[in-house]
């Protein structure tokens, strides 16, 4: 995940954007930081989903095949 400093900077730029606006340089920084945050978030979410097993009310494993394939790739 992103460092606390980067997340704090994203939040500071967001507040400044709402209150007084951002310079061109700050807009580029904000865009770069947001993209970095989203990459980290998506990676974390994919790793979380790879450890999920879906079970129906009868106790049967109904995990989608695509997810099972991803789990198997990770194990080998």
PDB file of N, CA and C in Angstrom:
ATOM      1  N   UNK A   1       0.842  -1.183   0.000  1.00  0.00           N
ATOM      2  CA  UNK A   1       0.000   0.000   0.000  1.00  0.00           C
ATOM      3  C   UNK A   1       0.886   1.245   0.000  1.00  0.00           C
ATOM      4  N   UNK A   2       0.280   2.363  -0.191  1.00  0.00           N
ATOM      5  CA  UNK A   2       0.994   3.632  -0.221  1.00  0.00           C
ATOM      6  C   UNK A   2       1.417   4.054   1.179  1.00  0.00           C
ATOM      7  N   UNK A   3       2.482   4.806   1.233  1.00  0.00           N
ATOM      8  CA  UNK A   3       2.958   5.302   2.520  1.00  0.00           C
ATOM      9  C   UNK A   3       1.971   6.340   3.070  1.00  0.00           C
ATOM     10  N   UNK A   4       2.027   6.522   4.368  1.00  0.00           N
ATOM     11  CA  UNK A   4       1.155   7.502   5.019  1.00  0.00           C
ATOM     12  C   UNK A   4       1.399   8.901   4.467  1.00  0.00           C
ATOM     13  N   UNK A   5       2.655   9.208   4.169  1.00  0.00           N
ATOM     14  CA  UNK A   5       2.991  10.539   3.639  1.00  0.00           C
ATOM     15  C   UNK A   5       2.306  10.782   2.299  1.00  0.00           C
ATOM     16  N   UNK A   6       2.292   9.768   1.435  1.00  0.00           N
ATOM     17  CA  UNK A   6       1.651   9.940   0.125  1.00  0.00           C
ATOM     18  C   UNK A   6       0.143  10.077   0.267  1.00  0.00           C
ATOM     19  N   UNK A   7      -0.452   9.299   1.138  1.00  0.00           N
ATOM     20  CA  UNK A   7      -1.902   9.402   1.360  1.00  0.00           C
ATOM     21  C   UNK A   7      -2.247  10.768   1.948  1.00  0.00           C
ATOM     22  N   UNK A   8      -1.430  11.234   2.889  1.00  0.00           N
ATOM     23  CA  UNK A   8      -1.645  12.571   3.449  1.00  0.00           C
ATOM     24  C   UNK A   8      -1.545  13.637   2.368  1.00  0.00           C
ATOM     25  N   UNK A   9      -0.595  13.466   1.451  1.00  0.00           N
ATOM     26  CA  UNK A   9      -0.427  14.438   0.366  1.00  0.00           C
ATOM     27  C   UNK A   9      -1.635  14.418  -0.575  1.00  0.00           C
ATOM     28  N   UNK A  10      -2.148  13.231  -0.882  1.00  0.00           N
ATOM     29  CA  UNK A  10      -3.358  13.127  -1.714  1.00  0.00           C
ATOM     30  C   UNK A  10      -4.500  13.890  -1.053  1.00  0.00           C
ATOM     31  N   UNK A  11      -4.671  13.686   0.248  1.00  0.00           N
ATOM     32  CA  UNK A  11      -5.751  14.363   0.976  1.00  0.00           C
ATOM     33  C   UNK A  11      -5.543  15.869   1.025  1.00  0.00           C
ATOM     34  N   UNK A  12      -4.304  16.312   1.211  1.00  0.00           N
ATOM     35  CA  UNK A  12      -4.019  17.753   1.253  1.00  0.00           C
ATOM     36  C   UNK A  12      -4.320  18.393  -0.097  1.00  0.00           C
ATOM     37  N   UNK A  13      -3.925  17.727  -1.170  1.00  0.00           N
ATOM     38  CA  UNK A  13      -4.209  18.269  -2.506  1.00  0.00           C
ATOM     39  C   UNK A  13      -5.713  18.301  -2.777  1.00  0.00           C
ATOM     40  N   UNK A  14      -6.424  17.303  -2.296  1.00  0.00           N
ATOM     41  CA  UNK A  14      -7.871  17.275  -2.480  1.00  0.00           C
ATOM     42  C   UNK A  14      -8.534  18.447  -1.750  1.00  0.00           C
ATOM     43  N   UNK A  15      -8.115  18.663  -0.512  1.00  0.00           N
ATOM     44  CA  UNK A  15      -8.680  19.800   0.256  1.00  0.00           C
ATOM     45  C   UNK A  15      -8.362  21.126  -0.425  1.00  0.00           C
ATOM     46  N   UNK A  16      -7.116  21.285  -0.877  1.00  0.00           N
ATOM     47  CA  UNK A  16      -6.721  22.538  -1.518  1.00  0.00           C
ATOM     48  C   UNK A  16      -7.497  22.739  -2.817  1.00  0.00           C
ATOM     49  N   UNK A  17      -7.706  21.642  -3.554  1.00  0.00           N
ATOM     50  CA  UNK A  17      -8.453  21.720  -4.809  1.00  0.00           C
ATOM     51  C   UNK A  17      -9.863  22.254  -4.574  1.00  0.00           C
ATOM     52  N   UNK A  18     -10.487  21.814  -3.496  1.00  0.00           N
ATOM     53  CA  UNK A  18     -11.855  22.242  -3.191  1.00  0.00           C
ATOM     54  C   UNK A  18     -11.912  23.669  -2.680  1.00  0.00           C
ATOM     55  N   UNK A  19     -10.868  24.097  -1.974  1.00  0.00           N
ATOM     56  CA  UNK A  19     -10.918  25.415  -1.353  1.00  0.00           C
ATOM     57  C   UNK A  19     -10.401  26.531  -2.256  1.00  0.00           C
ATOM     58  N   UNK A  20      -9.261  26.325  -2.870  1.00  0.00           N
ATOM     59  CA  UNK A  20      -8.678  27.427  -3.648  1.00  0.00           C
ATOM     60  C   UNK A  20      -8.194  27.054  -5.038  1.00  0.00           C
ATOM     61  N   UNK A  21      -8.196  25.778  -5.354  1.00  0.00           N
ATOM     62  CA  UNK A  21      -7.730  25.330  -6.661  1.00  0.00           C
ATOM     63  C   UNK A  21      -6.261  24.937  -6.623  1.00  0.00           C
ATOM     64  N   UNK A  22      -5.840  24.218  -7.654  1.00  0.00           N
ATOM     65  CA  UNK A  22      -4.466  23.720  -7.726  1.00  0.00           C
ATOM     66  C   UNK A  22      -3.726  24.323  -8.906  1.00  0.00           C
ATOM     67  N   UNK A  23      -2.425  24.435  -8.759  1.00  0.00           N
ATOM     68  CA  UNK A  23      -1.586  24.857  -9.879  1.00  0.00           C
ATOM     69  C   UNK A  23      -1.458  23.685 -10.852  1.00  0.00           C
ATOM     70  N   UNK A  24      -0.946  23.965 -12.020  1.00  0.00           N
ATOM     71  CA  UNK A  24      -0.743  22.920 -13.029  1.00  0.00           C
ATOM     72  C   UNK A  24       0.171  21.825 -12.483  1.00  0.00           C
ATOM     73  N   UNK A  25       1.224  22.219 -11.790  1.00  0.00           N
ATOM     74  CA  UNK A  25       2.167  21.258 -11.210  1.00  0.00           C
ATOM     75  C   UNK A  25       1.477  20.390 -10.153  1.00  0.00           C
ATOM     76  N   UNK A  26       0.633  20.996  -9.334  1.00  0.00           N
ATOM     77  CA  UNK A  26      -0.089  20.255  -8.303  1.00  0.00           C
ATOM     78  C   UNK A  26      -1.114  19.300  -8.914  1.00  0.00           C
ATOM     79  N   UNK A  27      -1.759  19.734 -10.009  1.00  0.00           N
ATOM     80  CA  UNK A  27      -2.705  18.855 -10.697  1.00  0.00           C
ATOM     81  C   UNK A  27      -2.002  17.606 -11.213  1.00  0.00           C
ATOM     82  N   UNK A  28      -0.819  17.775 -11.786  1.00  0.00           N
ATOM     83  CA  UNK A  28      -0.056  16.630 -12.280  1.00  0.00           C
ATOM     84  C   UNK A  28       0.371  15.721 -11.130  1.00  0.00           C
ATOM     85  N   UNK A  29       0.792  16.313 -10.027  1.00  0.00           N
ATOM     86  CA  UNK A  29       1.176  15.527  -8.850  1.00  0.00           C
ATOM     87  C   UNK A  29      -0.021  14.744  -8.321  1.00  0.00           C
ATOM     88  N   UNK A  30      -1.168  15.407  -8.253  1.00  0.00           N
ATOM     89  CA  UNK A  30      -2.380  14.764  -7.763  1.00  0.00           C
ATOM     90  C   UNK A  30      -2.753  13.579  -8.663  1.00  0.00           C
ATOM     91  N   UNK A  31      -2.686  13.774  -9.955  1.00  0.00           N
ATOM     92  CA  UNK A  31      -3.017  12.711 -10.905  1.00  0.00           C
ATOM     93  C   UNK A  31      -2.063  11.531 -10.731  1.00  0.00           C
ATOM     94  N   UNK A  32      -0.763  11.807 -10.616  1.00  0.00           N
ATOM     95  CA  UNK A  32       0.237  10.754 -10.464  1.00  0.00           C
ATOM     96  C   UNK A  32       0.018   9.980  -9.164  1.00  0.00           C
ATOM     97  N   UNK A  33      -0.246  10.696  -8.074  1.00  0.00           N
ATOM     98  CA  UNK A  33      -0.475  10.041  -6.787  1.00  0.00           C
ATOM     99  C   UNK A  33      -1.753   9.200  -6.795  1.00  0.00           C
ATOM    100  N   UNK A  34      -2.793   9.705  -7.425  1.00  0.00           N
ATOM    101  CA  UNK A  34      -4.044   8.942  -7.508  1.00  0.00           C
ATOM    102  C   UNK A  34      -3.849   7.658  -8.305  1.00  0.00           C
ATOM    103  N   UNK A  35      -3.112   7.749  -9.416  1.00  0.00           N
ATOM    104  CA  UNK A  35      -2.847   6.554 -10.227  1.00  0.00           C
ATOM    105  C   UNK A  35      -2.043   5.533  -9.435  1.00  0.00           C
ATOM    106  N   UNK A  36      -1.058   5.996  -8.688  1.00  0.00           N
ATOM    107  CA  UNK A  36      -0.253   5.107  -7.854  1.00  0.00           C
ATOM    108  C   UNK A  36      -1.120   4.451  -6.781  1.00  0.00           C
ATOM    109  N   UNK A  37      -2.002   5.230  -6.172  1.00  0.00           N
ATOM    110  CA  UNK A  37      -2.906   4.700  -5.156  1.00  0.00           C
ATOM    111  C   UNK A  37      -3.818   3.622  -5.744  1.00  0.00           C
ATOM    112  N   UNK A  38      -4.389   3.904  -6.911  1.00  0.00           N
ATOM    113  CA  UNK A  38      -5.299   2.939  -7.535  1.00  0.00           C
ATOM    114  C   UNK A  38      -4.578   1.647  -7.913  1.00  0.00           C
ATOM    115  N   UNK A  39      -3.339   1.746  -8.409  1.00  0.00           N
ATOM    116  CA  UNK A  39      -2.562   0.540  -8.737  1.00  0.00           C
ATOM    117  C   UNK A  39      -2.353  -0.302  -7.478  1.00  0.00           C
ATOM    118  N   UNK A  40      -1.985   0.346  -6.382  1.00  0.00           N
ATOM    119  CA  UNK A  40      -1.755  -0.368  -5.124  1.00  0.00           C
ATOM    120  C   UNK A  40      -3.056  -0.989  -4.609  1.00  0.00           C
ATOM    121  N   UNK A  41      -4.149  -0.244  -4.685  1.00  0.00           N
ATOM    122  CA  UNK A  41      -5.442  -0.744  -4.216  1.00  0.00           C
ATOM    123  C   UNK A  41      -5.890  -1.945  -5.033  1.00  0.00           C
ATOM    124  N   UNK A  42      -5.795  -1.837  -6.342  1.00  0.00           N
ATOM    125  CA  UNK A  42      -6.216  -2.949  -7.212  1.00  0.00           C
ATOM    126  C   UNK A  42      -5.366  -4.188  -6.972  1.00  0.00           C
ATOM    127  N   UNK A  43      -4.068  -4.007  -6.795  1.00  0.00           N
ATOM    128  CA  UNK A  43      -3.197  -5.139  -6.509  1.00  0.00           C
ATOM    129  C   UNK A  43      -3.572  -5.815  -5.202  1.00  0.00           C
ATOM    130  N   UNK A  44      -3.844  -5.023  -4.192  1.00  0.00           N
ATOM    131  CA  UNK A  44      -4.247  -5.556  -2.898  1.00  0.00           C
ATOM    132  C   UNK A  44      -5.575  -6.293  -3.004  1.00  0.00           C
ATOM    133  N   UNK A  45      -6.511  -5.727  -3.745  1.00  0.00           N
ATOM    134  CA  UNK A  45      -7.822  -6.358  -3.908  1.00  0.00           C
ATOM    135  C   UNK A  45      -7.694  -7.681  -4.663  1.00  0.00           C
ATOM    136  N   UNK A  46      -6.861  -7.726  -5.685  1.00  0.00           N
ATOM    137  CA  UNK A  46      -6.662  -8.974  -6.427  1.00  0.00           C
ATOM    138  C   UNK A  46      -6.074 -10.047  -5.525  1.00  0.00           C
ATOM    139  N   UNK A  47      -5.106  -9.684  -4.688  1.00  0.00           N
ATOM    140  CA  UNK A  47      -4.529 -10.652  -3.759  1.00  0.00           C
ATOM    141  C   UNK A  47      -5.563 -11.150  -2.758  1.00  0.00           C
ATOM    142  N   UNK A  48      -6.426 -10.266  -2.301  1.00  0.00           N
ATOM    143  CA  UNK A  48      -7.479 -10.664  -1.371  1.00  0.00           C
ATOM    144  C   UNK A  48      -8.436 -11.638  -2.037  1.00  0.00           C
ATOM    145  N   UNK A  49      -8.839 -11.331  -3.260  1.00  0.00           N
ATOM    146  CA  UNK A  49      -9.789 -12.199  -3.959  1.00  0.00           C
ATOM    147  C   UNK A  49      -9.202 -13.577  -4.251  1.00  0.00           C
ATOM    148  N   UNK A  50      -7.895 -13.644  -4.423  1.00  0.00           N
ATOM    149  CA  UNK A  50      -7.263 -14.937  -4.700  1.00  0.00           C
ATOM    150  C   UNK A  50      -7.338 -15.881  -3.506  1.00  0.00           C
ATOM    151  N   UNK A  51      -7.628 -15.350  -2.331  1.00  0.00           N
ATOM    152  CA  UNK A  51      -7.723 -16.209  -1.152  1.00  0.00           C
ATOM    153  C   UNK A  51      -9.175 -16.499  -0.758  1.00  0.00           C
ATOM    154  N   UNK A  52     -10.125 -16.093  -1.590  1.00  0.00           N
ATOM    155  CA  UNK A  52     -11.546 -16.254  -1.280  1.00  0.00           C
ATOM    156  C   UNK A  52     -12.074 -17.568  -1.868  1.00  0.00           C
ATOM    157  N   UNK A  53     -12.895 -18.227  -1.092  1.00  0.00           N
ATOM    158  CA  UNK A  53     -13.636 -19.390  -1.581  1.00  0.00           C
ATOM    159  C   UNK A  53     -15.114 -19.078  -1.400  1.00  0.00           C
ATOM    160  N   UNK A  54     -15.885 -19.287  -2.465  1.00  0.00           N
ATOM    161  CA  UNK A  54     -17.317 -19.002  -2.417  1.00  0.00           C
ATOM    162  C   UNK A  54     -18.048 -20.317  -2.148  1.00  0.00           C
ATOM    163  N   UNK A  55     -18.918 -20.295  -1.121  1.00  0.00           N
ATOM    164  CA  UNK A  55     -19.649 -21.489  -0.719  1.00  0.00           C
ATOM    165  C   UNK A  55     -21.139 -21.166  -0.730  1.00  0.00           C
ATOM    166  N   UNK A  56     -21.947 -22.069  -1.334  1.00  0.00           N
ATOM    167  CA  UNK A  56     -23.392 -21.851  -1.353  1.00  0.00           C
ATOM    168  C   UNK A  56     -24.005 -22.311  -0.028  1.00  0.00           C
ATOM    169  N   UNK A  57     -25.311 -22.080   0.180  1.00  0.00           N
ATOM    170  CA  UNK A  57     -25.951 -22.434   1.455  1.00  0.00           C
ATOM    171  C   UNK A  57     -25.851 -23.923   1.828  1.00  0.00           C
ATOM    172  N   UNK A  58     -25.688 -24.797   0.819  1.00  0.00           N
ATOM    173  CA  UNK A  58     -25.563 -26.230   1.103  1.00  0.00           C
ATOM    174  C   UNK A  58     -24.124 -26.633   1.437  1.00  0.00           C
ATOM    175  N   UNK A  59     -23.197 -25.685   1.360  1.00  0.00           N
ATOM    176  CA  UNK A  59     -21.808 -25.981   1.672  1.00  0.00           C
ATOM    177  C   UNK A  59     -20.954 -26.381   0.479  1.00  0.00           C
ATOM    178  N   UNK A  60     -21.505 -26.247  -0.724  1.00  0.00           N
ATOM    179  CA  UNK A  60     -20.760 -26.604  -1.938  1.00  0.00           C
ATOM    180  C   UNK A  60     -19.862 -25.452  -2.360  1.00  0.00           C
ATOM    181  N   UNK A  61     -18.673 -25.798  -2.809  1.00  0.00           N
ATOM    182  CA  UNK A  61     -17.743 -24.788  -3.320  1.00  0.00           C
ATOM    183  C   UNK A  61     -18.243 -24.332  -4.689  1.00  0.00           C
ATOM    184  N   UNK A  62     -18.632 -23.078  -4.807  1.00  0.00           N
ATOM    185  CA  UNK A  62     -19.127 -22.532  -6.071  1.00  0.00           C
ATOM    186  C   UNK A  62     -18.238 -21.378  -6.536  1.00  0.00           C
ATOM    187  N   UNK A  63     -16.961 -21.461  -6.164  1.00  0.00           N
ATOM    188  CA  UNK A  63     -16.007 -20.434  -6.571  1.00  0.00           C
ATOM    189  C   UNK A  63     -15.927 -20.421  -8.096  1.00  0.00           C
ATOM    190  N   UNK A  64     -16.019 -19.243  -8.726  1.00  0.00           N
ATOM    191  CA  UNK A  64     -15.924 -19.181 -10.188  1.00  0.00           C
ATOM    192  C   UNK A  64     -14.612 -19.794 -10.691  1.00  0.00           C
ATOM    193  N   UNK A  65     -14.677 -20.470 -11.831  1.00  0.00           N
ATOM    194  CA  UNK A  65     -13.510 -21.147 -12.382  1.00  0.00           C
ATOM    195  C   UNK A  65     -12.354 -20.181 -12.624  1.00  0.00           C
ATOM    196  N   UNK A  66     -12.653 -18.979 -13.059  1.00  0.00           N
ATOM    197  CA  UNK A  66     -11.593 -17.994 -13.306  1.00  0.00           C
ATOM    198  C   UNK A  66     -10.795 -17.720 -12.024  1.00  0.00           C
ATOM    199  N   UNK A  67     -11.479 -17.617 -10.914  1.00  0.00           N
ATOM    200  CA  UNK A  67     -10.819 -17.383  -9.631  1.00  0.00           C
ATOM    201  C   UNK A  67     -10.018 -18.613  -9.200  1.00  0.00           C
ATOM    202  N   UNK A  68     -10.572 -19.803  -9.426  1.00  0.00           N
ATOM    203  CA  UNK A  68      -9.840 -21.031  -9.119  1.00  0.00           C
ATOM    204  C   UNK A  68      -8.552 -21.105  -9.931  1.00  0.00           C
ATOM    205  N   UNK A  69      -8.624 -20.730 -11.206  1.00  0.00           N
ATOM    206  CA  UNK A  69      -7.446 -20.748 -12.067  1.00  0.00           C
ATOM    207  C   UNK A  69      -6.370 -19.793 -11.552  1.00  0.00           C
ATOM    208  N   UNK A  70      -6.787 -18.619 -11.107  1.00  0.00           N
ATOM    209  CA  UNK A  70      -5.847 -17.646 -10.554  1.00  0.00           C
ATOM    210  C   UNK A  70      -5.174 -18.186  -9.296  1.00  0.00           C
ATOM    211  N   UNK A  71      -5.946 -18.856  -8.441  1.00  0.00           N
ATOM    212  CA  UNK A  71      -5.384 -19.454  -7.227  1.00  0.00           C
ATOM    213  C   UNK A  71      -4.346 -20.502  -7.583  1.00  0.00           C
ATOM    214  N   UNK A  72      -4.663 -21.329  -8.574  1.00  0.00           N
ATOM    215  CA  UNK A  72      -3.732 -22.384  -8.982  1.00  0.00           C
ATOM    216  C   UNK A  72      -2.450 -21.809  -9.575  1.00  0.00           C
ATOM    217  N   UNK A  73      -2.559 -20.730 -10.321  1.00  0.00           N
ATOM    218  CA  UNK A  73      -1.361 -20.071 -10.882  1.00  0.00           C
ATOM    219  C   UNK A  73      -0.453 -19.600  -9.768  1.00  0.00           C
ATOM    220  N   UNK A  74      -1.051 -19.054  -8.727  1.00  0.00           N
ATOM    221  CA  UNK A  74      -0.290 -18.518  -7.610  1.00  0.00           C
ATOM    222  C   UNK A  74       0.422 -19.632  -6.844  1.00  0.00           C
ATOM    223  N   UNK A  75      -0.188 -20.796  -6.761  1.00  0.00           N
ATOM    224  CA  UNK A  75       0.379 -21.907  -6.016  1.00  0.00           C
ATOM    225  C   UNK A  75       1.527 -22.612  -6.766  1.00  0.00           C
ATOM    226  N   UNK A  76       1.530 -22.492  -8.079  1.00  0.00           N
ATOM    227  CA  UNK A  76       2.556 -23.193  -8.871  1.00  0.00           C
ATOM    228  C   UNK A  76       3.604 -22.272  -9.395  1.00  0.00           C
TER     229      UNK A  76
END
